[in-house]
Amino acid sequence: MFNALRRFLMTSPTDTAGLADVQPLPGPWPAGIALSRHSLDGDQGRTAVGDLLDRFKYAGERRLARTLVSALARALRETPGFGHIDVILHVPATTQRLRVPPTCDLARALGKEMRIRCLPDLIACTRLVTHQKDIARVEEKAVNVRGAFRVRRAEFVEGKKLLLVDDVFDSGATLQEVWRMLMRAGAREVVVATITRTRYWRDR
């Protein structure tokens, strides 16, 4: 699967074969994409990108961040709405499971890849919340994260176009809560991107 992603990165910009499975992300933002679906249809397992993301997150293969964001950067460059980004931010961890959340590594790598300033940990989670995976209903997911985030220094987002990065788009509740908080903090525009998108919305 790693070689499959490498082949995808080597294809021409107009070639949509292989792993070019960019997914739109529904939400209030003006532009949002995921590099790929997380799972195949019909319970046939994960996609190649979904497999790499799981290895990156759960098997300690942090070197895969560069591979994943290289593909994501290419998708962003080819998708309208993602030009002229001032700052890259990431959704913060909502649990204390890891000292450095995977989203931080992804955002940093993406900043280097796209030569855009990344501000790790600018967004803070103000309280511990229940893991979103443990909540089934989207309404309850939204309540779970409501008011749970803040910007440490608003001057870094005021009047800026921001790219907000997360690893997986499931219900979208967390991403929407952080997006609203950034807009209230004075951001001019916030676009969003994730590595994968689950079947949560497609199954409802």
C-alpha atoms as a PDB file:
ATOM      1  CA  MET A   1       0.000   0.000   0.000  1.00  0.00           C
ATOM      2  CA  PHE A   2       2.895   2.342   0.686  1.00  0.00           C
ATOM      3  CA  ASN A   3       4.108   1.752  -2.877  1.00  0.00           C
ATOM      4  CA  ALA A   4       0.597   2.435  -4.193  1.00  0.00           C
ATOM      5  CA  LEU A   5       0.615   5.863  -2.562  1.00  0.00           C
ATOM      6  CA  ARG A   6       4.094   6.519  -3.907  1.00  0.00           C
ATOM      7  CA  ARG A   7       2.823   5.731  -7.440  1.00  0.00           C
ATOM      8  CA  PHE A   8      -0.067   8.126  -6.890  1.00  0.00           C
ATOM      9  CA  LEU A   9       2.346  10.908  -5.992  1.00  0.00           C
ATOM     10  CA  MET A  10       4.344  10.264  -9.146  1.00  0.00           C
ATOM     11  CA  THR A  11       1.377  10.443 -11.514  1.00  0.00           C
ATOM     12  CA  SER A  12       0.638  13.531 -13.559  1.00  0.00           C
ATOM     13  CA  PRO A  13      -1.700  16.166 -12.069  1.00  0.00           C
ATOM     14  CA  THR A  14      -4.451  15.105 -14.478  1.00  0.00           C
ATOM     15  CA  ASP A  15      -4.263  11.420 -13.653  1.00  0.00           C
ATOM     16  CA  THR A  16      -7.077  10.469 -11.289  1.00  0.00           C
ATOM     17  CA  ALA A  17      -6.297   6.756 -11.142  1.00  0.00           C
ATOM     18  CA  GLY A  18      -4.934   4.874  -8.178  1.00  0.00           C
ATOM     19  CA  LEU A  19      -5.456   6.656  -4.895  1.00  0.00           C
ATOM     20  CA  ALA A  20      -6.890   9.915  -6.247  1.00  0.00           C
ATOM     21  CA  ASP A  21     -10.107   9.610  -4.265  1.00  0.00           C
ATOM     22  CA  VAL A  22     -10.490  13.137  -2.929  1.00  0.00           C
ATOM     23  CA  GLN A  23     -13.707  13.558  -0.927  1.00  0.00           C
ATOM     24  CA  PRO A  24     -15.636  16.777  -0.252  1.00  0.00           C
ATOM     25  CA  LEU A  25     -16.248  17.629   3.394  1.00  0.00           C
ATOM     26  CA  PRO A  26     -19.747  18.968   4.121  1.00  0.00           C
ATOM     27  CA  GLY A  27     -19.912  21.859   6.546  1.00  0.00           C
ATOM     28  CA  PRO A  28     -20.095  25.649   6.959  1.00  0.00           C
ATOM     29  CA  TRP A  29     -16.623  26.271   5.545  1.00  0.00           C
ATOM     30  CA  PRO A  30     -16.117  27.621   2.002  1.00  0.00           C
ATOM     31  CA  ALA A  31     -13.850  24.714   1.036  1.00  0.00           C
ATOM     32  CA  GLY A  32     -13.130  21.343   2.603  1.00  0.00           C
ATOM     33  CA  ILE A  33     -11.603  18.090   1.341  1.00  0.00           C
ATOM     34  CA  ALA A  34     -10.337  14.741   2.563  1.00  0.00           C
ATOM     35  CA  LEU A  35      -7.557  13.041   0.636  1.00  0.00           C
ATOM     36  CA  SER A  36      -9.462   9.739   0.572  1.00  0.00           C
ATOM     37  CA  ARG A  37     -12.226   7.652   2.050  1.00  0.00           C
ATOM     38  CA  HIS A  38     -11.070   5.790   5.146  1.00  0.00           C
ATOM     39  CA  SER A  39     -12.762   2.482   4.325  1.00  0.00           C
ATOM     40  CA  LEU A  40     -13.841   0.632   1.225  1.00  0.00           C
ATOM     41  CA  ASP A  41     -17.500   0.020   0.498  1.00  0.00           C
ATOM     42  CA  GLY A  42     -19.109  -3.192   1.629  1.00  0.00           C
ATOM     43  CA  ASP A  43     -16.933  -3.754   4.700  1.00  0.00           C
ATOM     44  CA  GLN A  44     -13.974  -4.691   2.518  1.00  0.00           C
ATOM     45  CA  GLY A  45     -11.424  -3.096   4.795  1.00  0.00           C
ATOM     46  CA  ARG A  46      -9.579   0.173   4.683  1.00  0.00           C
ATOM     47  CA  THR A  47      -8.411   2.098   1.661  1.00  0.00           C
ATOM     48  CA  ALA A  48      -4.668   2.373   1.067  1.00  0.00           C
ATOM     49  CA  VAL A  49      -4.678   5.851   2.581  1.00  0.00           C
ATOM     50  CA  GLY A  50      -6.823   4.693   5.489  1.00  0.00           C
ATOM     51  CA  ASP A  51      -4.356   1.893   6.179  1.00  0.00           C
ATOM     52  CA  LEU A  52      -1.393   4.277   6.120  1.00  0.00           C
ATOM     53  CA  LEU A  53      -3.184   6.697   8.431  1.00  0.00           C
ATOM     54  CA  ASP A  54      -3.928   3.949  10.948  1.00  0.00           C
ATOM     55  CA  ARG A  55      -0.288   2.861  10.864  1.00  0.00           C
ATOM     56  CA  PHE A  56       0.775   6.466  11.358  1.00  0.00           C
ATOM     57  CA  LYS A  57      -1.575   6.965  14.319  1.00  0.00           C
ATOM     58  CA  TYR A  58      -1.564   3.616  16.091  1.00  0.00           C
ATOM     59  CA  ALA A  59       1.600   1.747  15.061  1.00  0.00           C
ATOM     60  CA  GLY A  60       3.999   4.598  15.741  1.00  0.00           C
ATOM     61  CA  GLU A  61       5.027   5.014  12.088  1.00  0.00           C
ATOM     62  CA  ARG A  62       5.265   8.796  12.288  1.00  0.00           C
ATOM     63  CA  ARG A  63       7.522   8.863   9.216  1.00  0.00           C
ATOM     64  CA  LEU A  64       4.353   8.334   7.167  1.00  0.00           C
ATOM     65  CA  ALA A  65       3.267  11.905   7.919  1.00  0.00           C
ATOM     66  CA  ARG A  66       5.433  13.174   5.091  1.00  0.00           C
ATOM     67  CA  THR A  67       3.990  10.667   2.617  1.00  0.00           C
ATOM     68  CA  LEU A  68       0.411  11.452   3.580  1.00  0.00           C
ATOM     69  CA  VAL A  69       0.766  15.223   3.498  1.00  0.00           C
ATOM     70  CA  SER A  70       2.624  15.148   0.182  1.00  0.00           C
ATOM     71  CA  ALA A  71      -0.472  13.628  -1.368  1.00  0.00           C
ATOM     72  CA  LEU A  72      -2.761  15.987   0.548  1.00  0.00           C
ATOM     73  CA  ALA A  73      -0.746  19.025  -0.541  1.00  0.00           C
ATOM     74  CA  ARG A  74      -1.111  18.031  -4.150  1.00  0.00           C
ATOM     75  CA  ALA A  75      -4.876  17.648  -3.745  1.00  0.00           C
ATOM     76  CA  LEU A  76      -5.079  21.058  -2.071  1.00  0.00           C
ATOM     77  CA  ARG A  77      -3.162  22.724  -4.888  1.00  0.00           C
ATOM     78  CA  GLU A  78      -5.564  21.216  -7.436  1.00  0.00           C
ATOM     79  CA  THR A  79      -8.753  22.139  -5.560  1.00  0.00           C
ATOM     80  CA  PRO A  80     -10.343  25.606  -5.818  1.00  0.00           C
ATOM     81  CA  GLY A  81     -10.563  27.548  -2.584  1.00  0.00           C
ATOM     82  CA  PHE A  82      -7.226  26.585  -1.076  1.00  0.00           C
ATOM     83  CA  GLY A  83      -5.029  29.317  -2.493  1.00  0.00           C
ATOM     84  CA  HIS A  84      -3.355  32.141  -0.559  1.00  0.00           C
ATOM     85  CA  ILE A  85      -3.407  30.453   2.842  1.00  0.00           C
ATOM     86  CA  ASP A  86      -1.675  32.454   5.574  1.00  0.00           C
ATOM     87  CA  VAL A  87      -1.421  29.936   8.405  1.00  0.00           C
ATOM     88  CA  ILE A  88      -1.923  26.194   8.948  1.00  0.00           C
ATOM     89  CA  LEU A  89      -3.489  25.080  12.238  1.00  0.00           C
ATOM     90  CA  HIS A  90      -4.529  21.701  13.572  1.00  0.00           C
ATOM     91  CA  VAL A  91      -7.395  20.397  15.655  1.00  0.00           C
ATOM     92  CA  PRO A  92      -5.980  19.778  19.146  1.00  0.00           C
ATOM     93  CA  ALA A  93      -6.125  16.506  21.010  1.00  0.00           C
ATOM     94  CA  THR A  94      -9.220  16.121  23.176  1.00  0.00           C
ATOM     95  CA  THR A  95      -7.680  13.413  25.343  1.00  0.00           C
ATOM     96  CA  GLN A  96      -4.301  13.013  27.064  1.00  0.00           C
ATOM     97  CA  ARG A  97      -3.483   9.735  25.314  1.00  0.00           C
ATOM     98  CA  LEU A  98      -0.493  11.182  23.425  1.00  0.00           C
ATOM     99  CA  ARG A  99       1.958  13.920  24.302  1.00  0.00           C
ATOM    100  CA  VAL A 100       2.095  15.073  20.666  1.00  0.00           C
ATOM    101  CA  PRO A 101      -1.192  14.496  18.802  1.00  0.00           C
ATOM    102  CA  PRO A 102      -1.016  13.060  15.278  1.00  0.00           C
ATOM    103  CA  THR A 103      -2.719  16.179  13.932  1.00  0.00           C
ATOM    104  CA  CYS A 104       0.234  18.266  15.114  1.00  0.00           C
ATOM    105  CA  ASP A 105       2.709  16.118  13.171  1.00  0.00           C
ATOM    106  CA  LEU A 106       0.498  16.272  10.080  1.00  0.00           C
ATOM    107  CA  ALA A 107       0.114  20.053  10.240  1.00  0.00           C
ATOM    108  CA  ARG A 108       3.839  20.599  10.706  1.00  0.00           C
ATOM    109  CA  ALA A 109       4.683  18.325   7.788  1.00  0.00           C
ATOM    110  CA  LEU A 110       2.055  19.995   5.611  1.00  0.00           C
ATOM    111  CA  GLY A 111       3.438  23.421   6.456  1.00  0.00           C
ATOM    112  CA  LYS A 112       6.902  22.331   5.332  1.00  0.00           C
ATOM    113  CA  GLU A 113       5.524  20.701   2.185  1.00  0.00           C
ATOM    114  CA  MET A 114       3.487  23.750   1.152  1.00  0.00           C
ATOM    115  CA  ARG A 115       5.898  26.345   2.580  1.00  0.00           C
ATOM    116  CA  ILE A 116       3.161  27.880   4.694  1.00  0.00           C
ATOM    117  CA  ARG A 117       3.581  28.939   8.295  1.00  0.00           C
ATOM    118  CA  CYS A 118       2.282  26.376  10.764  1.00  0.00           C
ATOM    119  CA  LEU A 119       1.445  27.319  14.346  1.00  0.00           C
ATOM    120  CA  PRO A 120       1.268  24.088  16.372  1.00  0.00           C
ATOM    121  CA  ASP A 121      -0.776  24.135  19.552  1.00  0.00           C
ATOM    122  CA  LEU A 122      -2.248  27.592  18.882  1.00  0.00           C
ATOM    123  CA  ILE A 123      -5.659  26.003  19.475  1.00  0.00           C
ATOM    124  CA  ALA A 124      -6.185  24.584  22.956  1.00  0.00           C
ATOM    125  CA  CYS A 125      -8.739  22.148  24.263  1.00  0.00           C
ATOM    126  CA  THR A 126     -10.038  23.721  27.464  1.00  0.00           C
ATOM    127  CA  ARG A 127     -11.428  20.581  29.058  1.00  0.00           C
ATOM    128  CA  LEU A 128     -11.381  16.818  28.697  1.00  0.00           C
ATOM    129  CA  VAL A 129     -14.205  15.514  26.557  1.00  0.00           C
ATOM    130  CA  THR A 130     -15.590  12.070  25.887  1.00  0.00           C
ATOM    131  CA  HIS A 131     -13.936  10.434  22.898  1.00  0.00           C
ATOM    132  CA  GLN A 132     -16.108  11.137  19.888  1.00  0.00           C
ATOM    133  CA  LYS A 133     -15.806   7.517  18.749  1.00  0.00           C
ATOM    134  CA  ASP A 134     -17.741   6.499  21.853  1.00  0.00           C
ATOM    135  CA  ILE A 135     -20.751   8.651  20.910  1.00  0.00           C
ATOM    136  CA  ALA A 136     -23.159   7.508  18.215  1.00  0.00           C
ATOM    137  CA  ARG A 137     -25.523  10.428  17.521  1.00  0.00           C
ATOM    138  CA  VAL A 138     -24.242  13.530  15.746  1.00  0.00           C
ATOM    139  CA  GLU A 139     -26.265  15.802  18.035  1.00  0.00           C
ATOM    140  CA  GLU A 140     -24.560  14.310  21.071  1.00  0.00           C
ATOM    141  CA  LYS A 141     -21.153  14.624  19.413  1.00  0.00           C
ATOM    142  CA  ALA A 142     -21.800  18.348  18.877  1.00  0.00           C
ATOM    143  CA  VAL A 143     -22.799  18.833  22.525  1.00  0.00           C
ATOM    144  CA  ASN A 144     -19.739  16.897  23.671  1.00  0.00           C
ATOM    145  CA  VAL A 145     -17.290  19.404  22.125  1.00  0.00           C
ATOM    146  CA  ARG A 146     -19.339  22.586  22.417  1.00  0.00           C
ATOM    147  CA  GLY A 147     -17.224  25.368  23.919  1.00  0.00           C
ATOM    148  CA  ALA A 148     -14.258  23.029  24.379  1.00  0.00           C
ATOM    149  CA  PHE A 149     -11.704  25.011  22.332  1.00  0.00           C
ATOM    150  CA  ARG A 150      -9.998  28.394  22.413  1.00  0.00           C
ATOM    151  CA  VAL A 151      -7.249  30.267  20.579  1.00  0.00           C
ATOM    152  CA  ARG A 152      -4.232  30.942  22.758  1.00  0.00           C
ATOM    153  CA  ARG A 153      -3.337  34.157  20.888  1.00  0.00           C
ATOM    154  CA  ALA A 154      -6.058  35.668  18.700  1.00  0.00           C
ATOM    155  CA  GLU A 155      -3.673  38.081  16.961  1.00  0.00           C
ATOM    156  CA  PHE A 156      -2.281  35.165  14.954  1.00  0.00           C
ATOM    157  CA  VAL A 157      -5.669  34.420  13.372  1.00  0.00           C
ATOM    158  CA  GLU A 158      -7.272  37.855  13.074  1.00  0.00           C
ATOM    159  CA  GLY A 159      -7.774  38.800   9.440  1.00  0.00           C
ATOM    160  CA  LYS A 160      -6.023  35.646   8.219  1.00  0.00           C
ATOM    161  CA  LYS A 161      -7.019  32.861   5.854  1.00  0.00           C
ATOM    162  CA  LEU A 162      -6.459  29.653   7.785  1.00  0.00           C
ATOM    163  CA  LEU A 163      -6.169  26.003   6.812  1.00  0.00           C
ATOM    164  CA  LEU A 164      -7.485  23.818   9.632  1.00  0.00           C
ATOM    165  CA  VAL A 165      -6.132  20.252   9.547  1.00  0.00           C
ATOM    166  CA  ASP A 166      -7.488  17.105  11.173  1.00  0.00           C
ATOM    167  CA  ASP A 167      -6.680  13.453  10.602  1.00  0.00           C
ATOM    168  CA  VAL A 168     -10.154  11.941  10.108  1.00  0.00           C
ATOM    169  CA  PHE A 169     -13.537  13.471   9.239  1.00  0.00           C
ATOM    170  CA  ASP A 170     -16.301  11.437  10.854  1.00  0.00           C
ATOM    171  CA  SER A 171     -19.421  13.353  11.861  1.00  0.00           C
ATOM    172  CA  GLY A 172     -17.671  16.706  11.417  1.00  0.00           C
ATOM    173  CA  ALA A 173     -18.787  17.910  14.861  1.00  0.00           C
ATOM    174  CA  THR A 174     -15.309  18.620  16.213  1.00  0.00           C
ATOM    175  CA  LEU A 175     -14.112  20.289  13.030  1.00  0.00           C
ATOM    176  CA  GLN A 176     -17.207  22.494  12.928  1.00  0.00           C
ATOM    177  CA  GLU A 177     -16.795  23.542  16.569  1.00  0.00           C
ATOM    178  CA  VAL A 178     -13.159  24.550  16.019  1.00  0.00           C
ATOM    179  CA  TRP A 179     -14.093  26.292  12.742  1.00  0.00           C
ATOM    180  CA  ARG A 180     -16.758  28.400  14.495  1.00  0.00           C
ATOM    181  CA  MET A 181     -14.353  29.293  17.292  1.00  0.00           C
ATOM    182  CA  LEU A 182     -11.734  30.503  14.793  1.00  0.00           C
ATOM    183  CA  MET A 183     -14.278  32.606  12.935  1.00  0.00           C
ATOM    184  CA  ARG A 184     -15.412  34.182  16.208  1.00  0.00           C
ATOM    185  CA  ALA A 185     -11.765  34.879  17.020  1.00  0.00           C
ATOM    186  CA  GLY A 186     -11.520  37.061  13.913  1.00  0.00           C
ATOM    187  CA  ALA A 187     -10.257  34.809  11.117  1.00  0.00           C
ATOM    188  CA  ARG A 188     -11.053  36.159   7.665  1.00  0.00           C
ATOM    189  CA  GLU A 189     -11.641  32.680   6.229  1.00  0.00           C
ATOM    190  CA  VAL A 190     -11.110  29.095   7.401  1.00  0.00           C
ATOM    191  CA  VAL A 191     -10.840  26.164   5.003  1.00  0.00           C
ATOM    192  CA  VAL A 192     -10.455  22.584   6.207  1.00  0.00           C
ATOM    193  CA  ALA A 193      -8.661  19.408   5.169  1.00  0.00           C
ATOM    194  CA  THR A 194      -8.306  15.899   6.538  1.00  0.00           C
ATOM    195  CA  ILE A 195      -6.476  12.784   5.456  1.00  0.00           C
ATOM    196  CA  THR A 196      -9.555  10.553   5.337  1.00  0.00           C
ATOM    197  CA  ARG A 197     -13.329  10.676   5.595  1.00  0.00           C
ATOM    198  CA  THR A 198     -15.307   7.876   7.177  1.00  0.00           C
ATOM    199  CA  ARG A 199     -18.623   6.464   5.979  1.00  0.00           C
ATOM    200  CA  TYR A 200     -20.493   8.191   8.829  1.00  0.00           C
ATOM    201  CA  TRP A 201     -22.327  10.666   6.585  1.00  0.00           C
ATOM    202  CA  ARG A 202     -22.727   8.328   3.629  1.00  0.00           C
ATOM    203  CA  ASP A 203     -24.395   5.733   5.852  1.00  0.00           C
ATOM    204  CA  ARG A 204     -27.036   8.199   7.082  1.00  0.00           C
END
